[in-house]
Amino acid sequence: MRKTGWAVSSGIESADVKELHQSDSGPASQECHDEAVRPGKSPMGVRTLKAALHTAVALCLVTALVHVVLVFLHVAPSNPVSKRYSSQVNGWVYPLFEQNWRLFAPDPDSFNRKILARTAHTDSKGSVQVTPWFDLAAVDHSAVDHNVFPSHTSQNLLRRAWTSYVETHGGSDTARSERAVMLQTYLRNIAADRVAAHNHGRTFGFIQLRVITLPVAAPGTAAGNRPPAPTEDRLLPWWKVTSHGN
């Protein structure tokens, strides 16, 4: 009886041990195997994100390379390549990436210019409403005066737009080249945006500029003296603009 009982009990114990070994080794090893496999497989979203990132980096590098090449052709001495692709180079450089040597050889203005703007719109009754003249240059001057770090936009954007317009148009307001058309649009958009920022939400569909050129007063001129007479008072035609305001 003891032998039988021992045999039976030992058989049960051995069976329990086998089941224990199977339960311990089977699922655990499977889980470890799954955990070992999962890190190697990237989800679809991660792969897509990596591909998009690589594409964006490649586009940035290509754009930077093209920009450097075009600017180099712009500032380099005239050569067959720059002559052949002059329209593409100028279309990329002007007006935002223009390069010059004025940082090392500044050419300050010898005149004071008042750049005035007025707008017009047609009301619901069909009559045209024209606003008074608004001094755009005075706004820029007020942003520069007593400012330790004045904005480049306040100092040069409007002024350079006007000088570039004069260089391409001369005394006429008719654009005779693609660059002249581009600079006319550039000046018109700057003026429209400046007026819209101070127009208190009023709409307008046309804009007109008036540029008054004054000589720079001599040093030590008394403030009460009569102001110098303008050397030029130029009135530009009305330009159609995209509707601004509410």
Protein backbone atom coordinates (compact mmCIF):
# COMPACT_ATOMS: atom_id res chain seq x y z
CA MET A 1 0.00 0.00 0.00
CA ARG A 2 2.79 2.34 0.79
CA LYS A 3 4.47 1.58 -2.50
CA THR A 4 1.27 2.10 -4.39
CA GLY A 5 0.48 5.28 -2.53
CA TRP A 6 4.00 6.49 -3.11
CA ALA A 7 3.81 5.60 -6.78
CA VAL A 8 0.48 7.31 -7.19
CA SER A 9 1.54 10.38 -5.31
CA SER A 10 4.85 10.58 -7.12
CA GLY A 11 3.01 10.21 -10.42
CA ILE A 12 0.74 13.08 -9.54
CA GLU A 13 3.68 15.14 -8.44
CA SER A 14 5.58 14.42 -11.63
CA ALA A 15 2.53 15.32 -13.71
CA ASP A 16 2.16 18.55 -11.82
CA VAL A 17 5.81 19.32 -12.36
CA LYS A 18 5.49 18.68 -16.09
CA GLU A 19 2.45 20.94 -16.34
CA LEU A 20 4.26 23.57 -14.33
CA HIS A 21 7.26 23.38 -16.62
CA GLN A 22 5.05 23.61 -19.69
CA SER A 23 3.07 26.55 -18.31
CA ASP A 24 6.26 28.33 -17.27
CA SER A 25 8.26 27.77 -20.41
CA GLY A 26 5.53 27.94 -23.08
CA PRO A 27 3.74 31.30 -22.72
CA ALA A 28 6.72 33.04 -21.19
CA SER A 29 9.01 32.09 -24.05
CA GLN A 30 6.32 33.10 -26.55
CA GLU A 31 5.92 36.50 -24.88
CA CYS A 32 9.67 37.03 -24.88
CA HIS A 33 9.77 36.11 -28.54
CA ASP A 34 6.99 38.56 -29.35
CA GLU A 35 8.74 41.31 -27.41
CA ALA A 36 11.93 40.60 -29.29
CA VAL A 37 10.16 40.84 -32.64
CA ARG A 38 8.06 43.96 -32.03
CA PRO A 39 10.88 46.54 -31.82
CA GLY A 40 12.17 45.46 -35.22
CA LYS A 41 8.89 46.27 -36.98
CA SER A 42 8.16 49.99 -37.36
CA PRO A 43 4.49 50.93 -37.44
CA MET A 44 3.19 52.41 -40.68
CA GLY A 45 2.77 55.87 -39.10
CA VAL A 46 6.42 55.99 -38.00
CA ARG A 47 7.66 54.98 -41.44
CA THR A 48 5.44 57.61 -43.08
CA LEU A 49 6.69 60.29 -40.67
CA LYS A 50 10.31 59.39 -41.38
CA ALA A 51 9.70 59.49 -45.13
CA ALA A 52 8.02 62.89 -44.86
CA LEU A 53 10.88 64.21 -42.73
CA HIS A 54 13.50 62.99 -45.19
CA THR A 55 11.55 64.56 -48.07
CA ALA A 56 11.27 67.90 -46.25
CA VAL A 57 15.00 67.93 -45.47
CA ALA A 58 15.82 67.12 -49.10
CA LEU A 59 13.55 69.92 -50.36
CA CYS A 60 15.14 72.41 -47.94
CA LEU A 61 18.63 71.44 -49.09
CA VAL A 62 17.69 71.71 -52.76
CA THR A 63 16.00 75.10 -52.20
CA ALA A 64 19.02 76.41 -50.29
CA LEU A 65 21.36 75.21 -53.03
CA VAL A 66 19.26 76.81 -55.79
CA HIS A 67 19.08 80.07 -53.79
CA VAL A 68 22.85 80.21 -53.32
CA VAL A 69 23.49 79.51 -57.02
CA LEU A 70 21.02 82.16 -58.21
CA VAL A 71 22.32 84.81 -55.80
CA PHE A 72 25.88 83.98 -56.83
CA LEU A 73 24.98 84.46 -60.50
CA HIS A 74 23.34 87.77 -59.56
CA VAL A 75 26.39 89.24 -57.79
CA ALA A 76 29.03 87.62 -59.99
CA PRO A 77 30.52 89.52 -62.95
CA SER A 78 28.60 89.20 -66.19
CA ASN A 79 29.21 85.80 -67.79
CA PRO A 80 27.52 83.56 -70.39
CA VAL A 81 25.57 81.64 -67.72
CA SER A 82 24.21 84.74 -65.96
CA LYS A 83 23.29 86.30 -69.31
CA ARG A 84 21.48 83.18 -70.50
CA TYR A 85 19.46 82.80 -67.29
CA SER A 86 19.12 86.50 -66.43
CA SER A 87 15.30 86.39 -66.41
CA GLN A 88 15.23 83.44 -63.98
CA VAL A 89 17.90 85.04 -61.77
CA ASN A 90 16.14 88.41 -61.64
CA GLY A 91 12.77 86.77 -61.06
CA TRP A 92 14.16 84.99 -58.00
CA VAL A 93 16.31 87.80 -56.57
CA TYR A 94 14.00 90.81 -56.98
CA PRO A 95 12.62 92.33 -54.88
CA LEU A 96 13.15 90.26 -51.71
CA PHE A 97 16.74 88.99 -52.15
CA GLU A 98 18.36 91.99 -53.78
CA GLN A 99 22.09 92.21 -53.09
CA ASN A 100 24.25 95.34 -53.12
CA TRP A 101 27.39 96.78 -51.53
CA ARG A 102 25.73 99.59 -49.56
CA LEU A 103 26.64 97.96 -46.27
CA PHE A 104 30.30 98.76 -47.05
CA ALA A 105 29.71 101.92 -49.13
CA PRO A 106 26.48 103.50 -47.88
CA ASP A 107 24.71 105.96 -50.14
CA PRO A 108 22.40 108.02 -47.93
CA ASP A 109 19.54 109.93 -49.48
CA SER A 110 20.27 113.52 -50.41
CA PHE A 111 16.55 114.38 -50.34
CA ASN A 112 13.67 114.04 -47.93
CA ARG A 113 10.61 112.42 -49.45
CA LYS A 114 7.06 112.52 -48.24
CA ILE A 115 5.18 109.56 -49.67
CA LEU A 116 1.47 110.21 -49.33
CA ALA A 117 -1.40 107.88 -50.15
CA ARG A 118 -5.13 108.21 -50.47
CA THR A 119 -7.77 105.60 -51.23
CA ALA A 120 -11.13 105.50 -52.96
CA HIS A 121 -14.12 103.18 -52.98
CA THR A 122 -17.59 103.11 -54.45
CA ASP A 123 -20.42 103.12 -51.92
CA SER A 124 -23.80 101.42 -52.18
CA LYS A 125 -25.29 104.45 -53.96
CA GLY A 126 -22.66 104.36 -56.71
CA SER A 127 -20.77 107.49 -55.65
CA VAL A 128 -16.98 107.44 -55.27
CA GLN A 129 -15.62 108.29 -51.81
CA VAL A 130 -12.02 109.57 -51.62
CA THR A 131 -10.08 109.75 -48.35
CA PRO A 132 -7.65 112.54 -47.34
CA TRP A 133 -3.93 112.10 -47.94
CA PHE A 134 -2.14 109.84 -45.45
CA ASP A 135 1.62 110.29 -44.89
CA LEU A 136 3.21 106.83 -45.12
CA ALA A 137 6.75 108.13 -44.70
CA ALA A 138 5.83 109.91 -41.45
CA VAL A 139 4.71 106.59 -39.96
CA ASP A 140 8.08 105.06 -40.80
CA HIS A 141 9.96 108.05 -39.39
CA SER A 142 8.04 107.88 -36.13
CA ALA A 143 8.94 104.20 -35.80
CA VAL A 144 12.65 104.99 -36.29
CA ASP A 145 13.02 108.16 -34.19
CA HIS A 146 14.40 107.53 -30.69
CA ASN A 147 14.48 103.77 -31.39
CA VAL A 148 17.76 102.12 -30.42
CA PHE A 149 17.08 99.11 -32.66
CA PRO A 150 14.89 100.37 -35.51
CA SER A 151 13.33 97.87 -37.85
CA HIS A 152 14.84 97.43 -41.29
CA THR A 153 11.28 97.39 -42.64
CA SER A 154 10.55 100.79 -41.15
CA GLN A 155 13.80 102.25 -42.43
CA ASN A 156 14.06 100.95 -45.94
CA LEU A 157 11.08 98.99 -47.29
CA LEU A 158 8.97 101.89 -48.55
CA ARG A 159 11.98 104.05 -49.46
CA ARG A 160 13.66 101.32 -51.48
CA ALA A 161 10.38 100.43 -53.18
CA TRP A 162 10.04 104.01 -54.38
CA THR A 163 13.66 104.38 -55.56
CA SER A 164 13.40 101.08 -57.44
CA TYR A 165 10.17 102.30 -59.02
CA VAL A 166 11.88 105.48 -60.21
CA GLU A 167 14.84 103.52 -61.56
CA THR A 168 12.59 101.36 -63.75
CA HIS A 169 9.98 103.97 -64.73
CA GLY A 170 11.90 107.22 -64.88
CA GLY A 171 9.54 110.17 -65.22
CA SER A 172 6.77 108.03 -66.71
CA ASP A 173 4.31 105.83 -64.83
CA THR A 174 4.00 103.34 -67.67
CA ALA A 175 5.77 100.03 -67.05
CA ARG A 176 7.82 99.03 -70.09
CA SER A 177 9.43 95.84 -68.80
CA GLU A 178 8.55 92.84 -66.67
CA ARG A 179 10.71 94.13 -63.84
CA ALA A 180 8.97 97.52 -64.00
CA VAL A 181 5.59 95.80 -63.72
CA MET A 182 6.82 93.77 -60.77
CA LEU A 183 8.18 96.83 -58.92
CA GLN A 184 5.00 98.77 -59.62
CA THR A 185 2.98 95.95 -58.06
CA TYR A 186 5.47 95.78 -55.18
CA LEU A 187 5.10 99.51 -54.40
CA ARG A 188 1.32 99.36 -54.76
CA ASN A 189 1.00 96.40 -52.38
CA ILE A 190 3.24 97.99 -49.74
CA ALA A 191 1.22 101.20 -49.82
CA ALA A 192 -2.10 99.34 -49.70
CA ASP A 193 -1.00 97.24 -46.73
CA ARG A 194 0.29 100.30 -44.86
CA VAL A 195 -2.95 102.21 -45.41
CA ALA A 196 -5.09 99.20 -44.46
CA ALA A 197 -3.21 98.91 -41.15
CA HIS A 198 -4.31 102.47 -40.22
CA ASN A 199 -7.67 102.56 -41.99
CA HIS A 200 -9.79 101.33 -39.06
CA GLY A 201 -11.39 98.58 -41.15
CA ARG A 202 -12.73 100.83 -43.93
CA THR A 203 -12.76 99.19 -47.34
CA PHE A 204 -11.15 100.60 -50.47
CA GLY A 205 -10.56 99.35 -53.97
CA PHE A 206 -8.22 102.02 -55.42
CA ILE A 207 -5.10 103.74 -54.16
CA GLN A 208 -3.11 106.75 -55.38
CA LEU A 209 0.37 107.90 -54.33
CA ARG A 210 1.85 111.37 -54.22
CA VAL A 211 5.56 111.85 -53.64
CA ILE A 212 6.91 115.23 -52.55
CA THR A 213 10.70 115.57 -52.71
CA LEU A 214 12.32 118.16 -50.47
CA PRO A 215 16.00 119.14 -50.25
CA VAL A 216 17.83 118.34 -47.04
CA ALA A 217 18.14 121.44 -44.90
CA ALA A 218 21.62 122.82 -44.30
CA PRO A 219 23.20 122.14 -40.90
CA GLY A 220 22.29 124.72 -38.26
CA THR A 221 19.15 125.87 -40.03
CA ALA A 222 16.79 127.49 -37.57
CA ALA A 223 13.54 125.66 -36.98
CA GLY A 224 11.48 128.82 -37.51
CA ASN A 225 12.83 129.48 -41.00
CA ARG A 226 10.61 129.01 -43.99
CA PRO A 227 10.61 125.34 -45.11
CA PRO A 228 12.42 124.66 -48.38
CA ALA A 229 10.36 124.50 -51.54
CA PRO A 230 9.84 121.02 -52.93
CA THR A 231 12.02 120.05 -55.85
CA GLU A 232 9.41 117.62 -57.16
CA ASP A 233 5.74 116.97 -56.52
CA ARG A 234 4.78 113.81 -58.39
CA LEU A 235 1.24 112.47 -58.54
CA LEU A 236 0.88 108.85 -59.60
CA PRO A 237 -2.23 107.43 -61.30
CA TRP A 238 -4.98 105.56 -59.48
CA TRP A 239 -4.19 101.87 -59.09
CA LYS A 240 -6.72 99.11 -58.64
CA VAL A 241 -5.99 97.00 -55.56
CA THR A 242 -7.45 93.95 -53.93
CA SER A 243 -10.25 94.99 -51.59
CA HIS A 244 -8.91 95.81 -48.13
CA GLY A 245 -10.79 96.14 -44.88
CA ASN A 246 -14.11 94.72 -43.71
